[in-house]
N, C-alpha and C. Protein backbone atom coordinates (compact mmCIF):
# COMPACT_ATOMS: atom_id res chain seq x y z
N MET A 1 -7.85 -125.58 13.64
CA MET A 1 -6.70 -125.47 12.75
C MET A 1 -7.20 -125.58 11.30
N ASN A 2 -6.58 -124.80 10.42
CA ASN A 2 -7.05 -124.81 9.03
C ASN A 2 -6.55 -126.03 8.27
N ASN A 3 -7.14 -126.23 7.10
CA ASN A 3 -6.82 -127.41 6.29
C ASN A 3 -5.36 -127.45 5.83
N VAL A 4 -4.80 -126.28 5.54
CA VAL A 4 -3.41 -126.23 5.10
C VAL A 4 -2.51 -126.77 6.21
N GLN A 5 -2.70 -126.26 7.43
CA GLN A 5 -1.88 -126.72 8.55
C GLN A 5 -2.05 -128.22 8.78
N GLU A 6 -3.26 -128.71 8.67
CA GLU A 6 -3.51 -130.14 8.86
C GLU A 6 -2.79 -130.97 7.80
N GLU A 7 -2.87 -130.52 6.55
CA GLU A 7 -2.17 -131.23 5.47
C GLU A 7 -0.67 -131.25 5.72
N LEU A 8 -0.12 -130.09 6.08
CA LEU A 8 1.32 -130.00 6.31
C LEU A 8 1.75 -130.81 7.53
N LYS A 9 0.93 -130.84 8.57
CA LYS A 9 1.25 -131.65 9.76
C LYS A 9 1.30 -133.14 9.41
N LYS A 10 0.38 -133.60 8.56
CA LYS A 10 0.39 -135.00 8.15
C LYS A 10 1.66 -135.33 7.37
N ILE A 11 2.04 -134.45 6.48
CA ILE A 11 3.27 -134.65 5.71
C ILE A 11 4.47 -134.63 6.65
N ALA A 12 4.52 -133.66 7.54
CA ALA A 12 5.63 -133.56 8.48
C ALA A 12 5.78 -134.82 9.33
N ALA A 13 4.66 -135.39 9.75
CA ALA A 13 4.70 -136.61 10.57
C ALA A 13 5.25 -137.79 9.77
N ARG A 14 4.99 -137.84 8.47
CA ARG A 14 5.48 -138.94 7.64
C ARG A 14 6.97 -138.83 7.33
N ILE A 15 7.44 -137.61 7.12
CA ILE A 15 8.83 -137.44 6.68
C ILE A 15 9.82 -137.31 7.82
N ASN A 16 9.34 -137.03 9.02
CA ASN A 16 10.23 -136.86 10.16
C ASN A 16 9.55 -137.50 11.36
N TRP A 17 9.78 -138.77 11.52
CA TRP A 17 9.08 -139.56 12.52
C TRP A 17 9.64 -139.38 13.94
N PHE A 18 10.77 -138.69 14.07
CA PHE A 18 11.41 -138.57 15.38
C PHE A 18 11.24 -137.21 16.03
N ASP A 19 10.42 -136.35 15.44
CA ASP A 19 10.17 -135.03 15.99
C ASP A 19 8.69 -134.71 15.84
N VAL A 20 8.18 -133.83 16.66
CA VAL A 20 6.77 -133.47 16.54
C VAL A 20 6.58 -132.57 15.32
N PRO A 21 5.48 -132.75 14.59
CA PRO A 21 5.27 -131.98 13.36
C PRO A 21 5.34 -130.47 13.56
N GLU A 22 4.81 -129.98 14.67
CA GLU A 22 4.81 -128.53 14.91
C GLU A 22 6.23 -127.97 14.96
N ARG A 23 7.14 -128.70 15.56
CA ARG A 23 8.53 -128.23 15.65
C ARG A 23 9.15 -128.20 14.25
N LEU A 24 8.92 -129.23 13.47
CA LEU A 24 9.46 -129.26 12.11
C LEU A 24 8.87 -128.13 11.26
N LEU A 25 7.57 -127.91 11.38
CA LEU A 25 6.92 -126.86 10.61
C LEU A 25 7.38 -125.46 11.01
N SER A 26 7.90 -125.32 12.21
CA SER A 26 8.35 -123.99 12.66
C SER A 26 9.65 -123.56 11.98
N ASP A 27 10.31 -124.48 11.29
CA ASP A 27 11.55 -124.17 10.58
C ASP A 27 11.38 -124.60 9.11
N PRO A 28 10.88 -123.68 8.26
CA PRO A 28 10.57 -124.06 6.87
C PRO A 28 11.74 -124.67 6.10
N ASP A 29 12.95 -124.16 6.28
CA ASP A 29 14.09 -124.75 5.55
C ASP A 29 14.31 -126.20 5.96
N ARG A 30 14.25 -126.46 7.24
CA ARG A 30 14.44 -127.83 7.74
C ARG A 30 13.30 -128.73 7.26
N PHE A 31 12.07 -128.23 7.35
CA PHE A 31 10.90 -128.98 6.89
C PHE A 31 11.05 -129.34 5.42
N LEU A 32 11.40 -128.37 4.59
CA LEU A 32 11.53 -128.63 3.16
C LEU A 32 12.70 -129.56 2.86
N ALA A 33 13.78 -129.44 3.60
CA ALA A 33 14.92 -130.35 3.39
C ALA A 33 14.51 -131.79 3.69
N TYR A 34 13.84 -132.01 4.81
CA TYR A 34 13.36 -133.36 5.12
C TYR A 34 12.36 -133.82 4.07
N PHE A 35 11.51 -132.91 3.64
CA PHE A 35 10.54 -133.27 2.60
C PHE A 35 11.26 -133.71 1.33
N MET A 36 12.24 -132.94 0.89
CA MET A 36 12.93 -133.27 -0.36
C MET A 36 13.67 -134.60 -0.26
N GLN A 37 14.05 -135.00 0.93
CA GLN A 37 14.72 -136.28 1.11
C GLN A 37 13.72 -137.45 1.22
N TYR A 38 12.64 -137.26 1.95
CA TYR A 38 11.78 -138.39 2.30
C TYR A 38 10.35 -138.31 1.77
N CYS A 39 10.09 -137.41 0.85
CA CYS A 39 8.71 -137.20 0.40
C CYS A 39 8.12 -138.41 -0.31
N HIS A 40 6.82 -138.46 -0.26
CA HIS A 40 6.05 -139.41 -1.06
C HIS A 40 5.63 -138.68 -2.32
N ASP A 41 5.62 -139.37 -3.44
CA ASP A 41 5.27 -138.73 -4.71
C ASP A 41 3.93 -138.00 -4.63
N GLU A 42 2.97 -138.58 -3.94
CA GLU A 42 1.64 -137.97 -3.89
C GLU A 42 1.62 -136.66 -3.09
N ASP A 43 2.67 -136.39 -2.32
CA ASP A 43 2.73 -135.15 -1.53
C ASP A 43 3.37 -133.99 -2.29
N ILE A 44 4.03 -134.26 -3.38
CA ILE A 44 4.76 -133.21 -4.09
C ILE A 44 3.81 -132.12 -4.58
N ALA A 45 2.69 -132.48 -5.18
CA ALA A 45 1.76 -131.47 -5.68
C ALA A 45 1.21 -130.61 -4.54
N THR A 46 0.94 -131.24 -3.41
CA THR A 46 0.45 -130.48 -2.25
C THR A 46 1.50 -129.45 -1.82
N MET A 47 2.73 -129.89 -1.67
CA MET A 47 3.78 -128.99 -1.21
C MET A 47 4.05 -127.88 -2.22
N ARG A 48 3.96 -128.18 -3.49
CA ARG A 48 4.20 -127.16 -4.52
C ARG A 48 3.11 -126.10 -4.52
N ARG A 49 1.93 -126.43 -3.98
CA ARG A 49 0.87 -125.42 -3.84
C ARG A 49 1.19 -124.43 -2.73
N TYR A 50 1.90 -124.86 -1.72
CA TYR A 50 2.12 -124.04 -0.53
C TYR A 50 3.50 -123.40 -0.46
N PHE A 51 4.45 -123.91 -1.23
CA PHE A 51 5.82 -123.38 -1.20
C PHE A 51 6.28 -123.09 -2.62
N THR A 52 6.96 -121.97 -2.78
CA THR A 52 7.45 -121.56 -4.09
C THR A 52 8.76 -122.27 -4.42
N ASP A 53 9.13 -122.22 -5.69
CA ASP A 53 10.42 -122.77 -6.09
C ASP A 53 11.55 -122.06 -5.34
N GLU A 54 11.40 -120.78 -5.14
CA GLU A 54 12.43 -120.02 -4.41
C GLU A 54 12.57 -120.53 -2.98
N GLN A 55 11.49 -120.86 -2.34
CA GLN A 55 11.56 -121.42 -0.99
C GLN A 55 12.24 -122.79 -0.99
N PHE A 56 11.93 -123.61 -2.00
CA PHE A 56 12.60 -124.90 -2.11
C PHE A 56 14.09 -124.71 -2.35
N ARG A 57 14.46 -123.77 -3.24
CA ARG A 57 15.88 -123.52 -3.51
C ARG A 57 16.60 -123.04 -2.25
N HIS A 58 15.97 -122.15 -1.53
CA HIS A 58 16.56 -121.63 -0.30
C HIS A 58 16.79 -122.76 0.69
N ALA A 59 15.81 -123.62 0.84
CA ALA A 59 15.95 -124.76 1.76
C ALA A 59 17.05 -125.71 1.31
N LEU A 60 17.15 -125.91 0.01
CA LEU A 60 18.19 -126.79 -0.53
C LEU A 60 19.58 -126.24 -0.22
N GLU A 61 19.74 -124.95 -0.38
CA GLU A 61 21.04 -124.32 -0.12
C GLU A 61 21.34 -124.19 1.37
N ASN A 62 20.32 -124.19 2.20
CA ASN A 62 20.50 -124.00 3.64
C ASN A 62 20.09 -125.22 4.45
N ARG A 63 20.13 -126.37 3.83
CA ARG A 63 19.72 -127.60 4.51
C ARG A 63 20.65 -127.93 5.66
N PRO A 64 20.10 -128.53 6.70
CA PRO A 64 20.96 -128.96 7.81
C PRO A 64 21.92 -130.04 7.33
N PRO A 65 23.07 -130.15 7.97
CA PRO A 65 24.03 -131.20 7.59
C PRO A 65 23.41 -132.59 7.71
N CYS A 66 23.74 -133.43 6.77
CA CYS A 66 23.38 -134.85 6.79
C CYS A 66 21.88 -135.13 6.64
N VAL A 67 21.10 -134.16 6.21
CA VAL A 67 19.67 -134.42 6.02
C VAL A 67 19.41 -135.03 4.65
N MET A 68 20.08 -134.53 3.62
CA MET A 68 19.81 -134.99 2.26
C MET A 68 21.01 -135.71 1.68
N ASP A 69 20.74 -136.81 0.97
CA ASP A 69 21.83 -137.48 0.26
C ASP A 69 22.05 -136.80 -1.09
N GLU A 70 23.16 -137.12 -1.72
CA GLU A 70 23.52 -136.46 -2.98
C GLU A 70 22.51 -136.75 -4.10
N LYS A 71 21.94 -137.92 -4.10
CA LYS A 71 20.94 -138.26 -5.12
C LYS A 71 19.73 -137.32 -5.02
N SER A 72 19.26 -137.09 -3.81
CA SER A 72 18.12 -136.20 -3.61
C SER A 72 18.48 -134.76 -3.94
N VAL A 73 19.67 -134.33 -3.55
CA VAL A 73 20.12 -132.98 -3.87
C VAL A 73 20.16 -132.80 -5.39
N SER A 74 20.74 -133.74 -6.09
CA SER A 74 20.82 -133.66 -7.56
C SER A 74 19.43 -133.64 -8.19
N TYR A 75 18.55 -134.50 -7.71
CA TYR A 75 17.18 -134.55 -8.24
C TYR A 75 16.49 -133.20 -8.09
N TRP A 76 16.53 -132.64 -6.88
CA TRP A 76 15.81 -131.39 -6.64
C TRP A 76 16.47 -130.22 -7.36
N LYS A 77 17.76 -130.24 -7.55
CA LYS A 77 18.41 -129.19 -8.34
C LYS A 77 17.90 -129.24 -9.77
N LEU A 78 17.73 -130.44 -10.29
CA LEU A 78 17.20 -130.59 -11.65
C LEU A 78 15.74 -130.12 -11.70
N VAL A 79 14.93 -130.57 -10.75
CA VAL A 79 13.52 -130.17 -10.71
C VAL A 79 13.38 -128.65 -10.62
N LEU A 80 14.23 -128.04 -9.81
CA LEU A 80 14.14 -126.60 -9.59
C LEU A 80 14.98 -125.81 -10.59
N GLN A 81 15.59 -126.52 -11.55
CA GLN A 81 16.42 -125.89 -12.59
C GLN A 81 17.49 -125.00 -11.99
N GLU A 82 18.20 -125.55 -11.05
CA GLU A 82 19.26 -124.81 -10.40
C GLU A 82 20.57 -125.06 -11.10
């Protein structure tokens, strides 16, 4: 497995402890929504290397119900200049 996948699997395991990383990674919108809610500051630069602002915006608009709180939604809208 390549380094990108390994990095993303580690992040996925930290932000979503109740599902296997591969399943979370198979749904980018869901993965990014969980990331935007539960990310560690040190992971933001890594994720921004692999996902565009447009992908983050798409995930924000298509997030599963009850994944993100309003504070996180507001923060990421500001970060993404939405």
